[in-house]
């Protein structure tokens, strides 16, 4: 049995390591100084003014952030896998749990402390595509969950994680890629209207490992996902793509950190959101925070991040904050971009002038907006299902 380290403060001076609740860490100037811990009590209870929480409506978290969550429910996990995949249920004392990363906020630490057992999926060779279905604990219930995906060296796999149902879920997803491993990963949030999902993703890239991830957020009352990518060896290549469609009252929040700490690695981030609000109800709201850190040792890094937001009505709000922190001048290339714009009336007029009804024209524009992301999904049946789900969302909200 291995005892996990109680906490770490990456990049801080020794006198600040082990800082506990109430000792008052000052605001961090660098993403490399983020506080991490397996102990929920090591984190301050957020009040909403902290940079990490200032966009999140805390009252809608059902107590996940302040200790009031009872974790009285359980998420149901069902896995469809063939040869080359090994599925285990393990405790948090398993030596493999935690290899992906350490919680960096209070909700992730609470989920780590509360899960009963973890689902661990190990993939070897070239297995058939694996589908993991996660169903929420049910309306009014709160659950914690933990899932780890492991690829052995030089394995090549496709994994789909589909998340549905009702209730409140806090979870940690670990992705551990061995040297030379290649993973195509699709993660969907297709929750019922009442659902709240706060998820942390810990991605650990081995030498020459390749990750192609597509995230799709369509449902739920509040969905907040925080992926963190760490490189363990040179040659790593991570591509994170995502889309979200927020309608009236929905809050979709995506917080990413790509931490380049070793040389000769690559990252590419592209996220797109569409929003549509309605008069008389809370606004549709999307939040995208994109942090890329290139440390001094990460020479010859190549990275780019892009966020685009399409605002379909005036009763909607998109917040976009790209951050690029570079500690070395020896890089191959780095950049970021963010754009938020309203629906293009000229495009709508052009399509209508060709005899296309206004509602159909709007759907065509949104479909084209998301097309770049959906085209990266390599499973045709899944891609077609998600395209249909987006069409249903557009029809339901009257676009």
Foldseek 3Di string as FASTA:
>chain_A
DDDDDFWAFFPDDPVCGPQAPPPDDDDDPDPRRFTFGLALRRAYQDDCPHPVRVVPPVVLQCCLRPNPAPQPFEKDKDKDWDPQKDKDKAACPPPVPQPLHTDRGNNASSLSVFAPTAIEMEGEAETAEMEMEIEDRAAPHEHHYEYEYEYAAQHEYEYEYEYEYADEYEYEYGYHYEANYEYEYEYEAPYAAAYEYEYEYRYEAEHLYEYHYEYEYEHYLEYAYEYEYDYPHANYEYEYEYEYEWEANHEAEYHYEYEQDAEHYEYEAEYEYEFYYDPPGQAGEYEYEAHYEHAARHAAYYYEYEYEYEYADPRHYYHYHYYYHYHHPRYPYYYYYYYYDYDDVVQLVVVVVVVDDSLVSVLVVVCVVCVVRLVPDPDVVVSVVVNVVVVVSSVVRVD
